[in-house]
Amino acid sequence: MVRVPWVPLVVHAPARFAGGTATVLLDGESFPDPLLLMRLGKETGAHILAELDATVLTEGEHEIEVTWTAPDGERGTVDTSFTVERPPARVEFSVVDELGRPASARVLVRDAWGPVSLVGPLPTVAEPHDRLATWSSVFVTEGIGRLDLEPGTYTFVAVRGLRDSVDVQTVEVSRDIAVTMVVSRVIATPGDVLADLHVHTGRSGDSFLPDGPRLRSLLAAGIDVAVVTDHNEATELLPRLTHVVSSGGPALITGSEVSIKSDGESLGHFNSFPLDPALIPAPIDSDDVPTHLDAFAGLPGAPISQLNHPRGIQFAVGEEINVDAHALFSHFEFDPAVPLTDPNNAWLVTPGAESGTRGLDFDALEIANRFSRTGYLAVRADWFALMNQGFFLTGTGNSDSHALEVERAGFPDNLVRMPPPAPGESLDADAFVAAIRAGHVTVSTGPVLDLEVVAADGRAGGPGDLVGGDRLIARIHVRAAAWVPCPAVRLVVNGELLFETLLPRRDDVILDHIVELPLSLKGDAWVLAEAGTPIGVMQSDVQVDWPAPWAWILPEYEPLAFTNPVRVDVDGDGAFSAPGLP
C-alpha cells in the first residue's frame, strides 16, 4: 500500500561488481529519478539508492530491472516486480509561513494509536541498519505535499526548526481534502546562522538514504547551513538541490568525516570542512593523530577539524552508548580527572616529531551527538577538564543524521554568531569558519540561549570572547517556542555549577526569560550557560515524560542548550590564565 509520494529503492549487488557500472529500467524504460545514486565503491559495496516517484506510477504491476557490469566485464541482472495500490483518500498539504509564503516543513502523521507507518517495515536485507525501517512523516517542499490515507481520524503536526512554531491539526479523513498548515518564525536570531555540521548522505556506507529525501529533510529542518560529511569522501550536494527546490534552501558545505585508522580499525572520526572534493586526502592507516591533522591543515581554505563523538555513539533509543564506536578519547583512555601531563593523557599534548602538531590541535569538539544524553554528559566532562587546563576547543552539537527519523537533521544545531547573508546572497564561508573557530557558537535542540558577561565599565562579551574586570554581571537570555519544554537555566563557572533556577511553568506560551547574576571571581575564569533539562535530572536515570507535541516531534531528545564559554580576565593583564583542574 503506497501512502507517500515516493518510496525508497535499494538494490544490492555482490562485492565483485564494486567499481563497475549499472543500468536501471522501470517497466522497460530508463529510470526516471534524476538523483539516482550508484554507490559502487569498494568500501561501501555495490548499491543503487533511488526513490520511486509514486505520483507517476499507475496502480497495478510494475517491474524494475538492474543490469550490473563488473570491472572485468562480467554482467549480472537483478529484476523484481511490485504492485502499486493506493488508499482511497488523498490529503493535499499546503504549508505557509507567518507571511503566507510557501514553506518547507516536516508533517508528522498520527492516529489514536500513535505514529502512522507510511511505508511499513522494510526487510532488513534492504536496509541492514534499520534506519529506514519505518517513518511517519511526509516532507513538504516549497509549501506543497501529498499523502494518501485510509479513512479515519488523524493528527497532523507541521514542524520546521527550533526557531519556529508548530501547527497541530486533528482532521477527519473520509475523502480527498486540502489541509493548510502554518509554521511561523517565532524566535528571531538576526545575529546568528543555524548550522548542522555533521550530516550524511547515501554515499556513506552506513546510510541508505537517497539524495531526494535527504535534500527535502534539510529543507524541512529550517536551518541556514548544512555541512555534508560522508565517510572518507567529500560530497558536493549543492548542484543536486536544484532538482528538489526552485530556489533558496540552506547553504550546503562540502566536508568529510574521515577515520583515524590503525590496522584497518577505526579509532575515531574527524569532520573536516570546507573541502575541495578533488583534494581530500586518503585515510591514513596510522593511530598518529598529529599526522592526520597535518594532512588536512594544509588544504586550501584552512578547513576546520572537529572531533566527532569522542566517547562513542548511541545508535538507537534504549540502547547503551557503544564506547567502541569511533571513540577516540575512549580508545586512548583520556582521563579528564588527571592533568594532561599524566602519562595517560600525554598523547594529547606531545608534539609530533616532524611538524610539532599535538593531538589536541584541532578546532572543535562535538559535545552533543544526536539524542544521546549519556554521550553529552561524558564529553561535557572532558570539555570542562580541557578548558580548565587552557585548551578551548569550540563545543558543537550535531544531528549526525544518516536517515529521516532516527537521527533528525537539524537537531541539535549550532547558532553561529555572524551576520546571516542577505536574501539572494551566498553564505560567507570564510566568516562562518572563522566564527566557529573563535567559539562564537551556542548549541541547541530547542531552547535558544544567549549569554553576555558585562564588566563594570559597560564592556561586554559573549561566547568565545575575553572580558576584563572583577565586578561583572552575567546576563542569560533564554527563549523557546511554545512547543519546546525548557524547565531550567543554569550558569557554570570553571566546570562547577554556580547557579540553577527552575523557570515558570507555561502552557502553549513562548518563553522569553532573562536572568542577571553578579559574579564574584577570585581569579581568571571561564563562564558558560546551559538551559533545558535540570542538571540533576540529566545526570540521573530518570526519563522525563515530556508533553506533546515535543514528545511526538523529538521523542528521544532532551531539551538542551549550552553556550561556548566567555573567558574572564579578572587581573586585567590582557591574557587568560587557566584555573587548573579542581
Protein backbone atom coordinates (compact mmCIF):
# COMPACT_ATOMS: atom_id res chain seq x y z
CA MET A 1 0.00 0.00 0.00
CA VAL A 2 1.64 3.26 -1.17
CA ARG A 3 0.73 6.23 1.04
CA VAL A 4 3.60 8.63 0.37
CA PRO A 5 4.62 10.37 -2.88
CA TRP A 6 7.84 8.37 -3.05
CA VAL A 7 9.21 5.08 -1.80
CA PRO A 8 12.88 4.10 -1.44
CA LEU A 9 14.63 1.80 -3.88
CA VAL A 10 17.65 -0.11 -2.52
CA VAL A 11 19.42 -2.56 -4.83
CA HIS A 12 22.35 -4.70 -3.65
CA ALA A 13 24.94 -6.48 -5.79
CA PRO A 14 27.84 -8.82 -4.98
CA ALA A 15 31.06 -7.08 -3.98
CA ARG A 16 32.77 -8.13 -7.21
CA PHE A 17 30.64 -5.56 -9.07
CA ALA A 18 32.06 -2.70 -7.00
CA GLY A 19 33.80 -0.21 -9.22
CA GLY A 20 31.73 -1.23 -12.24
CA THR A 21 28.63 0.26 -13.86
CA ALA A 22 24.89 -0.36 -13.76
CA THR A 23 21.74 0.50 -15.70
CA VAL A 24 18.26 0.68 -14.19
CA LEU A 25 14.97 0.24 -16.06
CA LEU A 26 11.43 0.79 -14.79
CA ASP A 27 8.84 -1.05 -16.90
CA GLY A 28 11.44 -1.26 -19.67
CA GLU A 29 12.18 2.47 -19.74
CA SER A 30 15.06 4.49 -18.29
CA PHE A 31 14.60 5.03 -14.58
CA PRO A 32 13.03 8.49 -14.03
CA ASP A 33 14.87 9.58 -10.84
CA PRO A 34 17.37 12.34 -11.81
CA LEU A 35 19.04 11.90 -8.40
CA LEU A 36 19.64 8.16 -8.74
CA LEU A 37 22.79 7.29 -6.79
CA MET A 38 25.07 4.43 -7.80
CA ARG A 39 27.28 3.55 -4.86
CA LEU A 40 29.94 1.41 -6.45
CA GLY A 41 32.98 1.96 -4.25
CA LYS A 42 34.91 -0.92 -2.76
CA GLU A 43 34.32 0.30 0.82
CA THR A 44 30.54 0.56 0.56
CA GLY A 45 29.97 -2.32 -1.86
CA ALA A 46 27.71 -2.13 -4.88
CA HIS A 47 24.35 -0.48 -4.25
CA ILE A 48 21.81 1.62 -6.08
CA LEU A 49 19.85 4.12 -4.00
CA ALA A 50 16.94 5.94 -5.56
CA GLU A 51 13.35 6.96 -4.97
CA LEU A 52 10.34 5.71 -6.86
CA ASP A 53 8.07 8.63 -7.74
CA ALA A 54 4.71 7.21 -6.73
CA THR A 55 2.85 10.17 -8.20
CA VAL A 56 3.51 8.96 -11.76
CA LEU A 57 3.01 5.23 -11.15
CA THR A 58 -0.32 3.79 -12.15
CA GLU A 59 -1.96 1.30 -9.84
CA GLY A 60 -1.10 -2.30 -10.64
CA GLU A 61 2.04 -4.29 -11.50
CA HIS A 62 5.43 -2.71 -12.25
CA GLU A 63 8.90 -4.14 -12.88
CA ILE A 64 12.40 -2.91 -12.10
CA GLU A 65 15.42 -4.40 -13.86
CA VAL A 66 19.05 -3.67 -12.92
CA THR A 67 21.97 -4.81 -15.04
CA TRP A 68 25.41 -4.71 -13.43
CA THR A 69 28.73 -4.78 -15.28
CA ALA A 70 31.79 -5.64 -13.20
CA PRO A 71 35.23 -4.10 -13.93
CA ASP A 72 36.28 -7.39 -15.56
CA GLY A 73 33.26 -7.31 -17.91
CA GLU A 74 31.11 -9.83 -16.03
CA ARG A 75 27.41 -8.95 -16.27
CA GLY A 76 24.58 -9.74 -13.89
CA THR A 77 20.89 -8.86 -13.79
CA VAL A 78 18.50 -8.33 -10.88
CA ASP A 79 14.81 -7.86 -11.52
CA THR A 80 11.78 -7.62 -9.30
CA SER A 81 8.13 -6.73 -9.62
CA PHE A 82 5.91 -4.80 -7.25
CA THR A 83 2.29 -3.75 -7.07
CA VAL A 84 1.07 -0.20 -6.51
CA GLU A 85 -2.15 0.11 -4.54
CA ARG A 86 -3.29 3.39 -3.02
CA PRO A 87 -5.61 4.20 -0.12
CA PRO A 88 -8.83 5.92 -1.22
CA ALA A 89 -8.44 9.36 0.42
CA ARG A 90 -5.86 11.93 -0.67
CA VAL A 91 -4.62 14.73 1.62
CA GLU A 92 -3.10 17.72 -0.15
CA PHE A 93 -0.95 19.76 2.25
CA SER A 94 -0.21 23.45 1.89
CA VAL A 95 2.34 24.79 4.39
CA VAL A 96 2.96 28.53 4.70
CA ASP A 97 4.96 30.81 6.99
CA GLU A 98 3.76 33.78 9.05
CA LEU A 99 3.56 35.95 5.91
CA GLY A 100 1.62 33.37 3.92
CA ARG A 101 4.62 32.39 1.81
CA PRO A 102 5.13 28.72 0.85
CA ALA A 103 7.35 26.98 3.41
CA SER A 104 9.13 23.65 3.61
CA ALA A 105 8.36 21.52 6.67
CA ARG A 106 8.01 18.01 8.02
CA VAL A 107 4.44 16.85 8.68
CA LEU A 108 4.10 14.03 11.20
CA VAL A 109 1.10 11.74 10.85
CA ARG A 110 -0.54 10.19 13.93
CA ASP A 111 -3.72 8.34 14.72
CA ALA A 112 -5.25 7.23 18.02
CA TRP A 113 -2.52 4.57 18.46
CA GLY A 114 0.47 6.80 17.77
CA PRO A 115 2.70 7.41 14.73
CA VAL A 116 1.35 6.02 11.45
CA SER A 117 3.87 3.97 9.47
CA LEU A 118 3.69 5.47 5.99
CA VAL A 119 5.67 2.83 4.10
CA GLY A 120 5.64 -0.06 6.55
CA PRO A 121 8.68 -2.01 7.71
CA LEU A 122 11.28 -2.68 5.06
CA PRO A 123 13.14 -6.01 5.07
CA THR A 124 16.44 -5.82 6.94
CA VAL A 125 18.14 -7.22 3.85
CA ALA A 126 17.28 -3.95 2.08
CA GLU A 127 18.49 -1.70 4.93
CA PRO A 128 20.79 -3.61 7.26
CA HIS A 129 21.00 -0.77 9.79
CA ASP A 130 17.20 -0.42 10.16
CA ARG A 131 17.49 3.34 9.76
CA LEU A 132 14.86 3.30 7.00
CA ALA A 133 12.71 0.67 8.70
CA THR A 134 9.72 2.91 9.39
CA TRP A 135 8.84 6.54 9.27
CA SER A 136 5.75 8.55 9.95
CA SER A 137 6.44 11.88 8.25
CA VAL A 138 5.86 13.42 4.87
CA PHE A 139 8.19 16.19 3.73
CA VAL A 140 6.50 19.26 2.31
CA THR A 141 8.77 21.16 -0.08
CA GLU A 142 8.07 24.78 -1.01
CA GLY A 143 4.64 24.56 0.57
CA ILE A 144 3.33 21.52 -1.32
CA GLY A 145 2.95 17.95 -0.07
CA ARG A 146 0.70 14.95 -0.55
CA LEU A 147 -0.39 11.86 1.29
CA ASP A 148 -2.84 9.02 0.62
CA LEU A 149 -4.59 7.55 3.66
CA GLU A 150 -7.28 5.12 4.67
CA PRO A 151 -10.42 6.79 6.11
CA GLY A 152 -10.05 7.72 9.76
CA THR A 153 -9.16 10.44 12.24
CA TYR A 154 -5.58 11.71 12.03
CA THR A 155 -3.47 14.30 13.83
CA PHE A 156 -1.08 16.20 11.58
CA VAL A 157 1.90 18.05 13.13
CA ALA A 158 3.78 20.52 10.92
CA VAL A 159 7.26 21.32 12.24
CA ARG A 160 10.25 23.13 10.77
CA GLY A 161 13.12 24.18 13.06
CA LEU A 162 13.75 25.14 16.65
CA ARG A 163 13.08 28.83 15.91
CA ASP A 164 9.59 28.11 14.54
CA SER A 165 6.12 27.37 15.81
CA VAL A 166 4.37 24.09 15.10
CA ASP A 167 0.85 23.56 13.81
CA VAL A 168 -1.19 20.64 15.19
CA GLN A 169 -4.48 19.75 13.50
CA THR A 170 -6.77 16.78 14.08
CA VAL A 171 -8.67 16.00 10.89
CA GLU A 172 -11.33 13.50 9.87
CA VAL A 173 -10.25 11.97 6.57
CA SER A 174 -13.04 10.30 4.61
CA ARG A 175 -12.44 11.71 1.12
CA ASP A 176 -9.93 13.88 -0.75
CA ILE A 177 -9.22 17.01 1.33
CA ALA A 178 -6.88 20.01 1.43
CA VAL A 179 -5.14 20.97 4.69
CA THR A 180 -3.37 24.30 5.18
CA MET A 181 -0.80 24.47 7.98
CA VAL A 182 1.24 27.43 9.29
CA VAL A 183 4.79 27.36 10.66
CA SER A 184 5.83 30.82 11.85
CA ARG A 185 9.24 32.16 12.81
CA VAL A 186 8.70 32.98 16.49
CA ILE A 187 12.31 33.21 17.73
CA ALA A 188 14.34 35.85 15.90
CA THR A 189 18.10 35.26 15.58
CA PRO A 190 19.27 38.16 13.39
CA GLY A 191 22.89 37.80 14.55
CA ASP A 192 23.24 34.05 14.01
CA VAL A 193 23.13 31.41 11.33
CA LEU A 194 21.72 27.99 12.28
CA ALA A 195 24.01 25.15 11.20
CA ASP A 196 24.15 21.36 11.38
CA LEU A 197 27.84 20.48 10.99
CA HIS A 198 27.52 16.69 10.66
CA VAL A 199 25.11 15.27 8.06
CA HIS A 200 25.39 12.14 5.89
CA THR A 201 24.04 11.05 2.52
CA GLY A 202 23.78 7.64 0.91
CA ARG A 203 27.43 7.91 -0.09
CA SER A 204 28.25 6.86 3.48
CA GLY A 205 28.27 3.07 3.69
CA ASP A 206 26.04 3.03 6.79
CA SER A 207 23.34 5.22 5.22
CA PHE A 208 20.82 4.01 2.63
CA LEU A 209 19.12 7.37 2.11
CA PRO A 210 18.62 8.58 -1.48
CA ASP A 211 19.52 12.17 -2.29
CA GLY A 212 15.93 13.32 -2.89
CA PRO A 213 14.64 12.68 0.64
CA ARG A 214 17.99 13.77 2.12
CA LEU A 215 17.67 17.17 0.48
CA ARG A 216 14.00 17.54 1.40
CA SER A 217 14.80 16.71 5.03
CA LEU A 218 17.40 19.50 5.09
CA LEU A 219 14.92 21.96 3.57
CA ALA A 220 12.33 20.94 6.16
CA ALA A 221 14.75 21.35 9.08
CA GLY A 222 14.65 25.15 8.97
CA ILE A 223 18.44 25.51 9.07
CA ASP A 224 20.66 28.00 7.26
CA VAL A 225 23.71 25.76 6.74
CA ALA A 226 24.29 22.01 6.43
CA VAL A 227 27.80 20.56 6.30
CA VAL A 228 27.72 17.29 4.33
CA THR A 229 30.22 14.91 5.92
CA ASP A 230 30.19 11.49 4.29
CA HIS A 231 32.65 8.84 5.44
CA ASN A 232 36.09 9.24 3.88
CA GLU A 233 34.88 11.14 0.83
CA ALA A 234 33.74 14.66 0.00
CA THR A 235 30.21 15.04 -1.35
CA GLU A 236 29.21 18.12 -3.34
CA LEU A 237 25.46 18.07 -2.82
CA LEU A 238 24.59 21.65 -3.80
CA PRO A 239 24.25 21.05 -7.59
CA ARG A 240 21.61 18.38 -6.90
CA LEU A 241 19.47 20.76 -4.82
CA THR A 242 18.01 22.34 -7.97
CA HIS A 243 16.16 19.07 -8.69
CA VAL A 244 14.25 19.47 -5.42
CA VAL A 245 13.67 23.20 -4.92
CA SER A 246 13.30 26.02 -7.43
CA SER A 247 15.47 28.45 -5.44
CA GLY A 248 16.89 29.02 -1.99
CA GLY A 249 17.49 26.38 0.64
CA PRO A 250 20.30 26.02 3.15
CA ALA A 251 23.91 26.61 2.20
CA LEU A 252 25.43 23.16 1.60
CA ILE A 253 29.11 22.98 2.55
CA THR A 254 31.26 20.05 1.46
CA GLY A 255 33.11 18.30 4.25
CA SER A 256 34.11 14.76 5.13
CA GLU A 257 34.09 12.51 8.18
CA VAL A 258 37.48 10.83 7.95
CA SER A 259 38.56 7.88 10.08
CA ILE A 260 41.76 7.64 12.05
CA LYS A 261 42.64 4.00 11.44
CA SER A 262 45.19 1.52 12.71
CA ASP A 263 45.42 -1.94 11.13
CA GLY A 264 42.08 -1.27 9.44
CA GLU A 265 40.28 -0.46 12.70
CA SER A 266 38.64 2.96 13.01
CA LEU A 267 39.77 4.63 16.23
CA GLY A 268 37.93 7.91 15.77
CA HIS A 269 36.26 10.30 13.36
CA PHE A 270 37.22 13.85 12.47
CA ASN A 271 34.99 16.14 10.43
CA SER A 272 36.90 18.48 8.17
CA PHE A 273 35.26 21.34 6.24
CA PRO A 274 35.10 23.14 3.89
CA LEU A 275 36.84 20.85 1.42
CA ASP A 276 37.51 20.73 -2.30
CA PRO A 277 36.20 17.26 -3.30
CA ALA A 278 39.19 16.79 -5.59
CA LEU A 279 41.73 17.36 -2.82
CA ILE A 280 40.55 15.20 0.09
CA PRO A 281 43.44 13.11 1.44
CA ALA A 282 43.07 9.34 1.66
CA PRO A 283 42.54 7.88 5.15
CA ILE A 284 45.88 7.39 6.90
CA ASP A 285 46.41 3.91 8.30
CA SER A 286 48.03 5.17 11.49
CA ASP A 287 46.93 5.93 15.03
CA ASP A 288 49.09 9.06 14.99
CA VAL A 289 46.60 11.90 15.47
CA PRO A 290 49.03 14.74 14.58
CA THR A 291 49.74 13.10 11.21
CA HIS A 292 46.02 13.07 10.45
CA LEU A 293 45.57 16.70 11.49
CA ASP A 294 48.56 17.81 9.40
CA ALA A 295 47.08 16.14 6.30
CA PHE A 296 44.05 18.46 6.45
CA ALA A 297 45.58 21.60 7.96
CA GLY A 298 47.46 22.42 4.78
CA LEU A 299 44.49 22.17 2.43
CA PRO A 300 43.08 25.27 0.69
CA GLY A 301 40.54 27.18 2.76
CA ALA A 302 42.14 26.21 6.09
CA PRO A 303 39.43 23.65 6.89
CA ILE A 304 38.17 23.13 10.42
CA SER A 305 38.85 19.82 12.16
CA GLN A 306 36.07 18.72 14.53
CA LEU A 307 36.42 15.58 16.65
CA ASN A 308 33.12 13.71 16.48
CA HIS A 309 31.52 11.60 19.25
CA PRO A 310 34.79 11.16 21.18
CA ARG A 311 33.13 8.86 23.75
CA GLY A 312 31.23 6.64 21.30
CA ILE A 313 27.85 6.54 19.59
CA GLN A 314 24.36 5.75 20.82
CA PHE A 315 22.86 4.20 17.72
CA ALA A 316 19.26 3.79 18.88
CA VAL A 317 16.93 4.88 21.63
CA GLY A 318 17.03 2.43 24.53
CA GLU A 319 20.48 1.11 23.61
CA GLU A 320 23.62 1.72 25.64
CA ILE A 321 26.18 4.01 24.09
CA ASN A 322 28.73 1.99 22.11
CA VAL A 323 32.03 3.13 23.61
CA ASP A 324 33.98 1.21 20.96
CA ALA A 325 32.35 3.07 18.04
CA HIS A 326 34.93 5.53 16.69
CA ALA A 327 35.53 6.88 20.21
CA LEU A 328 38.97 8.48 20.09
CA PHE A 329 39.05 9.62 23.74
CA SER A 330 37.96 6.20 24.95
CA HIS A 331 40.42 4.38 22.68
CA PHE A 332 43.39 6.38 24.00
CA GLU A 333 41.95 6.32 27.56
CA PHE A 334 41.84 10.07 28.06
CA ASP A 335 41.22 10.70 31.77
CA PRO A 336 39.66 14.11 32.49
CA ALA A 337 40.32 13.77 36.23
CA VAL A 338 44.12 13.99 35.89
CA PRO A 339 46.36 16.62 34.25
CA LEU A 340 47.33 16.49 30.60
CA THR A 341 50.90 15.85 31.74
CA ASP A 342 49.81 12.47 33.15
CA PRO A 343 51.12 9.54 31.04
CA ASN A 344 47.51 8.54 30.20
CA ASN A 345 46.92 11.94 28.61
CA ALA A 346 50.33 12.81 27.22
CA TRP A 347 49.31 11.78 23.67
CA LEU A 348 47.14 14.90 23.55
CA VAL A 349 49.92 17.41 24.20
CA THR A 350 53.10 15.71 22.95
CA PRO A 351 54.31 17.49 19.77
CA GLY A 352 54.73 15.35 16.67
CA ALA A 353 58.31 14.67 15.63
CA GLU A 354 58.11 16.49 12.26
CA SER A 355 55.56 19.34 12.42
CA GLY A 356 55.19 19.85 16.16
CA THR A 357 51.43 19.34 15.90
CA ARG A 358 49.81 17.94 19.05
CA GLY A 359 46.86 15.59 19.40
CA LEU A 360 44.77 18.47 20.78
CA ASP A 361 45.49 20.81 17.86
CA PHE A 362 42.05 20.55 16.33
CA ASP A 363 39.36 23.21 16.35
CA ALA A 364 36.04 21.83 17.60
CA LEU A 365 34.74 19.09 19.85
CA GLU A 366 31.30 17.54 19.25
CA ILE A 367 29.78 17.69 22.74
CA ALA A 368 26.23 16.66 21.72
CA ASN A 369 25.71 13.92 19.14
CA ARG A 370 22.09 13.34 18.05
CA PHE A 371 19.83 12.42 21.02
CA SER A 372 22.38 10.85 23.37
CA ARG A 373 22.40 12.44 26.82
CA THR A 374 24.89 9.78 28.01
CA GLY A 375 27.33 10.90 25.35
CA TYR A 376 26.66 14.56 26.08
CA LEU A 377 27.43 14.22 29.79
CA ALA A 378 30.63 12.24 29.17
CA VAL A 379 32.05 14.66 26.60
CA ARG A 380 30.87 17.65 28.66
CA ALA A 381 33.18 16.44 31.49
CA ASP A 382 36.06 16.06 29.01
CA TRP A 383 35.45 19.54 27.62
CA PHE A 384 35.36 21.15 31.04
CA ALA A 385 38.63 19.46 32.04
CA LEU A 386 40.37 20.65 28.87
CA MET A 387 39.20 24.24 29.38
CA ASN A 388 40.37 24.22 32.99
CA GLN A 389 43.82 23.42 31.61
CA GLY A 390 43.73 26.15 28.98
CA PHE A 391 42.57 24.27 25.88
CA PHE A 392 39.47 25.96 24.45
CA LEU A 393 38.06 23.81 21.68
CA THR A 394 34.77 25.09 20.26
CA GLY A 395 31.92 22.98 21.62
CA THR A 396 29.38 21.90 18.98
CA GLY A 397 26.30 19.72 18.69
CA ASN A 398 25.08 17.94 15.58
CA SER A 399 22.49 15.51 14.29
CA ASP A 400 24.96 13.03 12.73
CA SER A 401 21.93 12.28 10.56
CA HIS A 402 22.04 9.20 8.36
CA ALA A 403 18.26 8.86 7.99
CA LEU A 404 14.92 10.65 8.23
CA GLU A 405 13.53 9.54 11.58
CA VAL A 406 16.25 8.02 13.77
CA GLU A 407 18.66 10.97 13.64
CA ARG A 408 16.72 14.04 12.58
CA ALA A 409 18.63 16.68 10.60
CA GLY A 410 18.64 19.99 12.42
CA PHE A 411 18.52 18.60 15.98
CA PRO A 412 20.79 19.58 17.65
CA ASP A 413 22.08 22.66 15.85
CA ASN A 414 24.72 25.33 16.22
CA LEU A 415 23.79 29.00 16.35
CA VAL A 416 26.92 30.55 14.88
CA ARG A 417 27.31 34.25 15.70
CA MET A 418 27.78 36.07 12.39
CA PRO A 419 25.64 38.22 10.09
CA PRO A 420 23.33 35.99 8.03
CA PRO A 421 23.57 36.52 4.27
CA ALA A 422 21.10 38.98 2.77
CA PRO A 423 18.31 37.50 0.62
CA GLY A 424 19.79 36.27 -2.63
CA GLU A 425 23.36 36.36 -1.35
CA SER A 426 25.60 33.39 -0.58
CA LEU A 427 26.97 32.46 2.82
CA ASP A 428 30.38 33.96 3.60
CA ALA A 429 32.13 30.63 4.16
CA ASP A 430 35.33 32.26 5.45
CA ALA A 431 33.42 34.22 8.09
CA PHE A 432 31.45 31.10 9.00
CA VAL A 433 34.61 29.07 9.59
CA ALA A 434 36.25 31.92 11.48
CA ALA A 435 33.25 32.30 13.82
CA ILE A 436 33.25 28.59 14.65
CA ARG A 437 36.99 28.58 15.24
CA ALA A 438 36.62 31.58 17.56
CA GLY A 439 33.98 29.83 19.68
CA HIS A 440 31.11 32.15 18.73
CA VAL A 441 28.70 29.21 18.95
CA THR A 442 25.69 28.18 21.02
CA VAL A 443 24.25 24.66 20.71
CA SER A 444 20.56 23.75 20.99
CA THR A 445 17.99 21.03 20.49
CA GLY A 446 15.20 23.55 21.14
CA PRO A 447 15.85 26.42 23.59
CA VAL A 448 17.62 29.49 22.19
CA LEU A 449 20.19 30.74 24.68
CA ASP A 450 22.23 33.95 24.86
CA LEU A 451 24.97 34.74 27.38
CA GLU A 452 26.62 38.08 27.96
CA VAL A 453 29.18 38.90 30.63
CA VAL A 454 29.18 42.64 31.35
CA ALA A 455 32.04 44.47 33.07
CA ALA A 456 31.63 47.48 35.35
CA ASP A 457 32.71 49.84 32.54
CA GLY A 458 29.92 48.50 30.32
CA ARG A 459 32.08 46.42 28.04
CA ALA A 460 30.51 43.03 27.36
CA GLY A 461 31.41 39.74 25.74
CA GLY A 462 29.62 36.64 24.59
CA PRO A 463 30.66 33.07 23.79
CA GLY A 464 34.24 32.96 22.53
CA ASP A 465 35.12 36.42 23.84
CA LEU A 466 37.55 37.62 26.54
CA VAL A 467 36.15 40.15 29.08
CA GLY A 468 38.24 42.05 31.64
CA GLY A 469 37.31 43.06 35.18
CA ASP A 470 36.45 41.73 38.62
CA ARG A 471 32.99 43.30 39.05
CA LEU A 472 30.84 41.56 36.50
CA ILE A 473 27.25 40.64 35.71
CA ALA A 474 26.26 37.51 33.78
CA ARG A 475 23.12 38.14 31.73
CA ILE A 476 21.38 34.98 30.48
CA HIS A 477 18.53 35.31 28.00
CA VAL A 478 16.63 32.10 27.22
CA ARG A 479 13.84 31.83 24.68
CA ALA A 480 11.86 28.86 23.41
CA ALA A 481 8.99 28.27 21.03
CA ALA A 482 5.77 27.26 22.78
CA TRP A 483 6.23 23.56 21.90
CA VAL A 484 9.77 23.40 23.38
CA PRO A 485 10.00 22.48 27.10
CA CYS A 486 12.62 24.47 28.99
CA PRO A 487 12.25 23.95 32.74
CA ALA A 488 15.65 25.23 33.91
CA VAL A 489 18.54 27.58 33.20
CA ARG A 490 21.96 27.50 34.87
CA LEU A 491 25.40 29.07 34.96
CA VAL A 492 28.66 27.09 35.07
CA VAL A 493 32.00 28.60 36.18
CA ASN A 494 35.22 26.62 35.69
CA GLY A 495 33.16 23.45 35.30
CA GLU A 496 31.26 23.88 38.57
CA LEU A 497 27.55 24.63 38.80
CA LEU A 498 27.28 28.15 40.21
CA PHE A 499 23.56 28.70 39.79
CA GLU A 500 20.45 26.92 38.53
CA THR A 501 16.85 28.04 38.67
CA LEU A 502 13.62 26.45 37.55
CA LEU A 503 11.71 28.52 35.03
CA PRO A 504 7.99 29.33 35.27
CA ARG A 505 5.64 26.62 34.05
CA ARG A 506 3.97 27.65 30.83
CA ASP A 507 1.20 26.21 28.68
CA ASP A 508 1.46 26.94 24.96
CA VAL A 509 3.31 30.21 25.62
CA ILE A 510 6.59 31.37 24.07
CA LEU A 511 9.35 31.53 26.70
CA ASP A 512 11.28 34.79 26.97
CA HIS A 513 13.20 34.96 30.25
CA ILE A 514 16.22 36.96 31.43
CA VAL A 515 18.39 36.17 34.46
CA GLU A 516 21.08 38.56 35.73
CA LEU A 517 23.69 37.36 38.21
CA PRO A 518 26.56 39.24 39.84
CA LEU A 519 29.86 37.37 39.50
CA SER A 520 32.49 37.46 42.22
CA LEU A 521 35.58 35.75 40.85
CA LYS A 522 38.89 35.33 42.68
CA GLY A 523 40.91 34.74 39.54
CA ASP A 524 40.63 34.32 35.79
CA ALA A 525 37.69 32.06 34.99
CA TRP A 526 35.52 30.80 32.17
CA VAL A 527 31.75 31.06 32.28
CA LEU A 528 29.04 29.34 30.23
CA ALA A 529 25.27 28.96 30.40
CA GLU A 530 23.03 25.94 29.90
CA ALA A 531 19.25 25.57 29.64
CA GLY A 532 16.64 22.83 29.29
CA THR A 533 16.53 19.69 31.41
CA PRO A 534 17.71 20.36 35.01
CA ILE A 535 21.25 19.09 35.50
CA GLY A 536 20.25 16.73 38.31
CA VAL A 537 17.72 15.05 36.05
CA MET A 538 20.24 14.94 33.20
CA GLN A 539 22.72 13.13 35.46
CA SER A 540 20.18 10.60 36.77
CA ASP A 541 18.48 7.61 35.21
CA VAL A 542 15.13 9.41 35.30
CA GLN A 543 13.39 9.57 31.94
CA VAL A 544 11.12 12.60 31.77
CA ASP A 545 7.78 12.22 30.03
CA TRP A 546 7.85 15.47 28.10
CA PRO A 547 4.47 16.77 26.92
CA ALA A 548 3.22 16.72 23.34
CA PRO A 549 3.96 17.98 20.78
CA TRP A 550 7.65 17.78 21.85
CA ALA A 551 7.16 14.10 22.71
CA TRP A 552 5.80 13.48 19.21
CA ILE A 553 8.39 15.54 17.32
CA LEU A 554 11.57 14.60 19.25
CA PRO A 555 10.66 11.61 21.43
CA GLU A 556 14.28 10.63 22.06
CA TYR A 557 15.68 14.08 22.79
CA GLU A 558 16.28 16.16 25.90
CA PRO A 559 15.52 19.88 25.63
CA LEU A 560 19.05 21.25 25.85
CA ALA A 561 21.08 24.34 25.07
CA PHE A 562 24.60 25.37 26.03
CA THR A 563 26.85 28.26 25.11
CA ASN A 564 30.55 28.22 24.50
CA PRO A 565 32.47 29.91 27.31
CA VAL A 566 33.16 33.56 27.95
CA ARG A 567 36.68 33.93 29.35
CA VAL A 568 37.10 36.46 32.14
CA ASP A 569 40.43 38.24 32.66
CA VAL A 570 39.99 39.19 36.33
CA ASP A 571 43.51 40.50 36.94
CA GLY A 572 43.35 42.72 33.85
CA ASP A 573 46.66 41.64 32.33
CA GLY A 574 45.07 41.15 28.90
CA ALA A 575 45.52 37.39 28.93
CA PHE A 576 43.66 34.39 30.30
CA SER A 577 45.26 32.18 32.94
CA ALA A 578 43.63 28.75 33.12
CA PRO A 579 42.33 27.87 36.61
CA GLY A 580 43.62 24.28 36.50
CA LEU A 581 41.81 21.12 37.49
CA PRO A 582 39.76 21.37 40.70
